[in-house]
Amino acid sequence: MPTLDPLFTTSASTRLSDGEKRAIVQMFAHGSSIPDLASWYKVTQADIREVLKPHVQFVNQGRSR
């Protein structure tokens, strides 16, 4: 039975250093997209959103009236 890569079994908060998290927030503020950041840091887009959540207010794509 293959063992799971620990990189993909821990949350982004433990995978990324504080410096990396600050860099992600800065890069996002300067126009980097979530998919680009996820591929650069080798994490999922959900991980990037988790890092950005305290700093960014995400808006739903669909708006109800």
PDB file of N, CA and C in Angstrom:
ATOM      1  N   MET A   1       0.847  -1.185   0.000  1.00  0.00           N
ATOM      2  CA  MET A   1       0.000   0.000   0.000  1.00  0.00           C
ATOM      3  C   MET A   1       0.893   1.249   0.000  1.00  0.00           C
ATOM      4  N   PRO A   2       0.662   2.176  -0.943  1.00  0.00           N
ATOM      5  CA  PRO A   2       1.526   3.363  -0.994  1.00  0.00           C
ATOM      6  C   PRO A   2       1.273   4.290   0.194  1.00  0.00           C
ATOM      7  N   THR A   3       2.321   4.943   0.629  1.00  0.00           N
ATOM      8  CA  THR A   3       2.145   5.899   1.725  1.00  0.00           C
ATOM      9  C   THR A   3       1.774   7.248   1.138  1.00  0.00           C
ATOM     10  N   LEU A   4       1.000   8.001   1.896  1.00  0.00           N
ATOM     11  CA  LEU A   4       0.592   9.318   1.430  1.00  0.00           C
ATOM     12  C   LEU A   4       1.734  10.307   1.611  1.00  0.00           C
ATOM     13  N   ASP A   5       1.899  11.161   0.640  1.00  0.00           N
ATOM     14  CA  ASP A   5       2.897  12.228   0.743  1.00  0.00           C
ATOM     15  C   ASP A   5       2.446  13.187   1.839  1.00  0.00           C
ATOM     16  N   PRO A   6       3.271  13.403   2.869  1.00  0.00           N
ATOM     17  CA  PRO A   6       2.851  14.282   3.972  1.00  0.00           C
ATOM     18  C   PRO A   6       2.533  15.701   3.508  1.00  0.00           C
ATOM     19  N   LEU A   7       3.095  16.111   2.364  1.00  0.00           N
ATOM     20  CA  LEU A   7       2.817  17.438   1.826  1.00  0.00           C
ATOM     21  C   LEU A   7       1.322  17.626   1.580  1.00  0.00           C
ATOM     22  N   PHE A   8       0.653  16.556   1.179  1.00  0.00           N
ATOM     23  CA  PHE A   8      -0.752  16.671   0.828  1.00  0.00           C
ATOM     24  C   PHE A   8      -1.688  16.222   1.944  1.00  0.00           C
ATOM     25  N   THR A   9      -1.149  15.885   3.106  1.00  0.00           N
ATOM     26  CA  THR A   9      -2.015  15.452   4.202  1.00  0.00           C
ATOM     27  C   THR A   9      -2.060  16.467   5.326  1.00  0.00           C
ATOM     28  N   THR A  10      -1.296  17.551   5.210  1.00  0.00           N
ATOM     29  CA  THR A  10      -1.341  18.601   6.225  1.00  0.00           C
ATOM     30  C   THR A  10      -1.984  19.835   5.623  1.00  0.00           C
ATOM     31  N   SER A  11      -2.464  20.724   6.469  1.00  0.00           N
ATOM     32  CA  SER A  11      -3.115  21.924   5.947  1.00  0.00           C
ATOM     33  C   SER A  11      -2.074  22.939   5.506  1.00  0.00           C
ATOM     34  N   ALA A  12      -2.524  23.918   4.745  1.00  0.00           N
ATOM     35  CA  ALA A  12      -1.613  24.959   4.252  1.00  0.00           C
ATOM     36  C   ALA A  12      -0.985  25.718   5.402  1.00  0.00           C
ATOM     37  N   SER A  13      -1.716  25.846   6.500  1.00  0.00           N
ATOM     38  CA  SER A  13      -1.191  26.634   7.613  1.00  0.00           C
ATOM     39  C   SER A  13       0.066  26.005   8.205  1.00  0.00           C
ATOM     40  N   THR A  14       0.220  24.682   8.080  1.00  0.00           N
ATOM     41  CA  THR A  14       1.434  24.047   8.581  1.00  0.00           C
ATOM     42  C   THR A  14       2.454  23.835   7.465  1.00  0.00           C
ATOM     43  N   ARG A  15       1.991  23.773   6.216  1.00  0.00           N
ATOM     44  CA  ARG A  15       2.893  23.556   5.078  1.00  0.00           C
ATOM     45  C   ARG A  15       3.689  24.797   4.723  1.00  0.00           C
ATOM     46  N   LEU A  16       3.080  25.976   4.893  1.00  0.00           N
ATOM     47  CA  LEU A  16       3.703  27.220   4.456  1.00  0.00           C
ATOM     48  C   LEU A  16       4.255  27.982   5.653  1.00  0.00           C
ATOM     49  N   SER A  17       5.446  28.514   5.497  1.00  0.00           N
ATOM     50  CA  SER A  17       6.041  29.307   6.577  1.00  0.00           C
ATOM     51  C   SER A  17       5.341  30.663   6.659  1.00  0.00           C
ATOM     52  N   ASP A  18       5.543  31.370   7.768  1.00  0.00           N
ATOM     53  CA  ASP A  18       4.953  32.701   7.914  1.00  0.00           C
ATOM     54  C   ASP A  18       5.441  33.631   6.804  1.00  0.00           C
ATOM     55  N   GLY A  19       6.705  33.514   6.452  1.00  0.00           N
ATOM     56  CA  GLY A  19       7.251  34.340   5.372  1.00  0.00           C
ATOM     57  C   GLY A  19       6.582  34.054   4.044  1.00  0.00           C
ATOM     58  N   GLU A  20       6.332  32.769   3.774  1.00  0.00           N
ATOM     59  CA  GLU A  20       5.648  32.399   2.533  1.00  0.00           C
ATOM     60  C   GLU A  20       4.222  32.933   2.529  1.00  0.00           C
ATOM     61  N   LYS A  21       3.547  32.849   3.677  1.00  0.00           N
ATOM     62  CA  LYS A  21       2.173  33.361   3.760  1.00  0.00           C
ATOM     63  C   LYS A  21       2.142  34.861   3.495  1.00  0.00           C
ATOM     64  N   ARG A  22       3.091  35.600   4.083  1.00  0.00           N
ATOM     65  CA  ARG A  22       3.155  37.054   3.842  1.00  0.00           C
ATOM     66  C   ARG A  22       3.413  37.339   2.366  1.00  0.00           C
ATOM     67  N   ALA A  23       4.295  36.551   1.753  1.00  0.00           N
ATOM     68  CA  ALA A  23       4.607  36.733   0.331  1.00  0.00           C
ATOM     69  C   ALA A  23       3.377  36.458  -0.530  1.00  0.00           C
ATOM     70  N   ILE A  24       2.614  35.426  -0.183  1.00  0.00           N
ATOM     71  CA  ILE A  24       1.400  35.095  -0.936  1.00  0.00           C
ATOM     72  C   ILE A  24       0.412  36.255  -0.874  1.00  0.00           C
ATOM     73  N   VAL A  25       0.209  36.813   0.323  1.00  0.00           N
ATOM     74  CA  VAL A  25      -0.724  37.937   0.481  1.00  0.00           C
ATOM     75  C   VAL A  25      -0.238  39.133  -0.346  1.00  0.00           C
ATOM     76  N   GLN A  26       1.058  39.419  -0.292  1.00  0.00           N
ATOM     77  CA  GLN A  26       1.619  40.545  -1.056  1.00  0.00           C
ATOM     78  C   GLN A  26       1.470  40.320  -2.561  1.00  0.00           C
ATOM     79  N   MET A  27       1.798  39.102  -3.019  1.00  0.00           N
ATOM     80  CA  MET A  27       1.727  38.808  -4.448  1.00  0.00           C
ATOM     81  C   MET A  27       0.287  38.880  -4.939  1.00  0.00           C
ATOM     82  N   PHE A  28      -0.662  38.408  -4.116  1.00  0.00           N
ATOM     83  CA  PHE A  28      -2.071  38.479  -4.491  1.00  0.00           C
ATOM     84  C   PHE A  28      -2.506  39.940  -4.585  1.00  0.00           C
ATOM     85  N   ALA A  29      -2.048  40.759  -3.635  1.00  0.00           N
ATOM     86  CA  ALA A  29      -2.396  42.184  -3.629  1.00  0.00           C
ATOM     87  C   ALA A  29      -1.856  42.895  -4.870  1.00  0.00           C
ATOM     88  N   HIS A  30      -0.774  42.368  -5.428  1.00  0.00           N
ATOM     89  CA  HIS A  30      -0.171  42.990  -6.608  1.00  0.00           C
ATOM     90  C   HIS A  30      -0.599  42.308  -7.906  1.00  0.00           C
ATOM     91  N   GLY A  31      -1.662  41.505  -7.855  1.00  0.00           N
ATOM     92  CA  GLY A  31      -2.261  40.999  -9.081  1.00  0.00           C
ATOM     93  C   GLY A  31      -2.013  39.550  -9.438  1.00  0.00           C
ATOM     94  N   SER A  32      -1.282  38.795  -8.623  1.00  0.00           N
ATOM     95  CA  SER A  32      -1.098  37.371  -8.923  1.00  0.00           C
ATOM     96  C   SER A  32      -2.414  36.634  -8.695  1.00  0.00           C
ATOM     97  N   SER A  33      -2.704  35.669  -9.564  1.00  0.00           N
ATOM     98  CA  SER A  33      -3.956  34.924  -9.426  1.00  0.00           C
ATOM     99  C   SER A  33      -3.787  33.768  -8.440  1.00  0.00           C
ATOM    100  N   ILE A  34      -4.906  33.319  -7.889  1.00  0.00           N
ATOM    101  CA  ILE A  34      -4.881  32.186  -6.958  1.00  0.00           C
ATOM    102  C   ILE A  34      -4.317  30.929  -7.640  1.00  0.00           C
ATOM    103  N   PRO A  35      -4.743  30.599  -8.887  1.00  0.00           N
ATOM    104  CA  PRO A  35      -4.152  29.410  -9.532  1.00  0.00           C
ATOM    105  C   PRO A  35      -2.632  29.522  -9.716  1.00  0.00           C
ATOM    106  N   ASP A  36      -2.143  30.718 -10.074  1.00  0.00           N
ATOM    107  CA  ASP A  36      -0.692  30.896 -10.228  1.00  0.00           C
ATOM    108  C   ASP A  36       0.021  30.697  -8.900  1.00  0.00           C
ATOM    109  N   LEU A  37      -0.504  31.310  -7.844  1.00  0.00           N
ATOM    110  CA  LEU A  37       0.122  31.175  -6.527  1.00  0.00           C
ATOM    111  C   LEU A  37       0.140  29.717  -6.081  1.00  0.00           C
ATOM    112  N   ALA A  38      -0.966  29.002  -6.327  1.00  0.00           N
ATOM    113  CA  ALA A  38      -1.043  27.591  -5.936  1.00  0.00           C
ATOM    114  C   ALA A  38       0.032  26.774  -6.652  1.00  0.00           C
ATOM    115  N   SER A  39       0.228  27.035  -7.939  1.00  0.00           N
ATOM    116  CA  SER A  39       1.233  26.253  -8.669  1.00  0.00           C
ATOM    117  C   SER A  39       2.649  26.649  -8.253  1.00  0.00           C
ATOM    118  N   TRP A  40       2.898  27.926  -7.999  1.00  0.00           N
ATOM    119  CA  TRP A  40       4.239  28.352  -7.573  1.00  0.00           C
ATOM    120  C   TRP A  40       4.624  27.750  -6.226  1.00  0.00           C
ATOM    121  N   TYR A  41       3.661  27.712  -5.295  1.00  0.00           N
ATOM    122  CA  TYR A  41       3.965  27.204  -3.950  1.00  0.00           C
ATOM    123  C   TYR A  41       3.653  25.718  -3.800  1.00  0.00           C
ATOM    124  N   LYS A  42       3.203  25.083  -4.874  1.00  0.00           N
ATOM    125  CA  LYS A  42       2.903  23.648  -4.890  1.00  0.00           C
ATOM    126  C   LYS A  42       1.888  23.264  -3.814  1.00  0.00           C
ATOM    127  N   VAL A  43       0.823  24.063  -3.726  1.00  0.00           N
ATOM    128  CA  VAL A  43      -0.294  23.775  -2.826  1.00  0.00           C
ATOM    129  C   VAL A  43      -1.581  23.898  -3.636  1.00  0.00           C
ATOM    130  N   THR A  44      -2.711  23.584  -3.025  1.00  0.00           N
ATOM    131  CA  THR A  44      -3.981  23.683  -3.742  1.00  0.00           C
ATOM    132  C   THR A  44      -4.505  25.115  -3.703  1.00  0.00           C
ATOM    133  N   GLN A  45      -5.455  25.408  -4.601  1.00  0.00           N
ATOM    134  CA  GLN A  45      -6.080  26.734  -4.600  1.00  0.00           C
ATOM    135  C   GLN A  45      -6.825  26.967  -3.290  1.00  0.00           C
ATOM    136  N   ALA A  46      -7.396  25.906  -2.722  1.00  0.00           N
ATOM    137  CA  ALA A  46      -8.083  26.033  -1.426  1.00  0.00           C
ATOM    138  C   ALA A  46      -7.086  26.439  -0.339  1.00  0.00           C
ATOM    139  N   ASP A  47      -5.858  25.911  -0.419  1.00  0.00           N
ATOM    140  CA  ASP A  47      -4.822  26.291   0.546  1.00  0.00           C
ATOM    141  C   ASP A  47      -4.506  27.779   0.433  1.00  0.00           C
ATOM    142  N   ILE A  48      -4.414  28.276  -0.805  1.00  0.00           N
ATOM    143  CA  ILE A  48      -4.124  29.702  -1.011  1.00  0.00           C
ATOM    144  C   ILE A  48      -5.266  30.540  -0.443  1.00  0.00           C
ATOM    145  N   ARG A  49      -6.509  30.114  -0.700  1.00  0.00           N
ATOM    146  CA  ARG A  49      -7.661  30.852  -0.151  1.00  0.00           C
ATOM    147  C   ARG A  49      -7.629  30.858   1.374  1.00  0.00           C
ATOM    148  N   GLU A  50      -7.208  29.734   1.969  1.00  0.00           N
ATOM    149  CA  GLU A  50      -7.114  29.635   3.434  1.00  0.00           C
ATOM    150  C   GLU A  50      -6.109  30.658   3.974  1.00  0.00           C
ATOM    151  N   VAL A  51      -4.988  30.824   3.269  1.00  0.00           N
ATOM    152  CA  VAL A  51      -3.973  31.799   3.676  1.00  0.00           C
ATOM    153  C   VAL A  51      -4.506  33.225   3.505  1.00  0.00           C
ATOM    154  N   LEU A  52      -5.237  33.466   2.409  1.00  0.00           N
ATOM    155  CA  LEU A  52      -5.720  34.818   2.112  1.00  0.00           C
ATOM    156  C   LEU A  52      -6.945  35.214   2.926  1.00  0.00           C
ATOM    157  N   LYS A  53      -7.692  34.228   3.420  1.00  0.00           N
ATOM    158  CA  LYS A  53      -8.982  34.504   4.067  1.00  0.00           C
ATOM    159  C   LYS A  53      -8.937  35.606   5.130  1.00  0.00           C
ATOM    160  N   PRO A  54      -7.934  35.645   6.031  1.00  0.00           N
ATOM    161  CA  PRO A  54      -7.930  36.722   7.028  1.00  0.00           C
ATOM    162  C   PRO A  54      -7.692  38.111   6.423  1.00  0.00           C
ATOM    163  N   HIS A  55      -7.206  38.158   5.175  1.00  0.00           N
ATOM    164  CA  HIS A  55      -6.796  39.427   4.576  1.00  0.00           C
ATOM    165  C   HIS A  55      -7.707  39.898   3.454  1.00  0.00           C
ATOM    166  N   VAL A  56      -8.485  38.982   2.881  1.00  0.00           N
ATOM    167  CA  VAL A  56      -9.257  39.283   1.681  1.00  0.00           C
ATOM    168  C   VAL A  56     -10.708  38.887   1.905  1.00  0.00           C
ATOM    169  N   GLN A  57     -11.620  39.732   1.444  1.00  0.00           N
ATOM    170  CA  GLN A  57     -13.037  39.362   1.494  1.00  0.00           C
ATOM    171  C   GLN A  57     -13.396  38.794   0.128  1.00  0.00           C
ATOM    172  N   PHE A  58     -13.708  37.508   0.086  1.00  0.00           N
ATOM    173  CA  PHE A  58     -14.064  36.873  -1.173  1.00  0.00           C
ATOM    174  C   PHE A  58     -15.523  37.151  -1.490  1.00  0.00           C
ATOM    175  N   VAL A  59     -15.802  37.431  -2.762  1.00  0.00           N
ATOM    176  CA  VAL A  59     -17.154  37.738  -3.207  1.00  0.00           C
ATOM    177  C   VAL A  59     -17.659  36.547  -4.011  1.00  0.00           C
ATOM    178  N   ASN A  60     -18.885  36.117  -3.715  1.00  0.00           N
ATOM    179  CA  ASN A  60     -19.471  35.016  -4.483  1.00  0.00           C
ATOM    180  C   ASN A  60     -19.622  35.427  -5.937  1.00  0.00           C
ATOM    181  N   GLN A  61     -19.431  34.467  -6.823  1.00  0.00           N
ATOM    182  CA  GLN A  61     -19.541  34.762  -8.251  1.00  0.00           C
ATOM    183  C   GLN A  61     -20.989  35.055  -8.643  1.00  0.00           C
ATOM    184  N   GLY A  62     -21.938  34.287  -8.106  1.00  0.00           N
ATOM    185  CA  GLY A  62     -23.346  34.506  -8.421  1.00  0.00           C
ATOM    186  C   GLY A  62     -23.988  35.425  -7.397  1.00  0.00           C
ATOM    187  N   ARG A  63     -24.708  36.404  -7.877  1.00  0.00           N
ATOM    188  CA  ARG A  63     -25.361  37.339  -6.947  1.00  0.00           C
ATOM    189  C   ARG A  63     -26.863  37.105  -6.971  1.00  0.00           C
ATOM    190  N   SER A  64     -27.460  37.075  -5.796  1.00  0.00           N
ATOM    191  CA  SER A  64     -28.914  36.932  -5.732  1.00  0.00           C
ATOM    192  C   SER A  64     -29.532  38.314  -5.557  1.00  0.00           C
ATOM    193  N   ARG A  65     -30.770  38.457  -6.028  1.00  0.00           N
ATOM    194  CA  ARG A  65     -31.428  39.769  -5.919  1.00  0.00           C
ATOM    195  C   ARG A  65     -32.389  39.786  -4.766  1.00  0.00           C
TER     196      ARG A  65
END
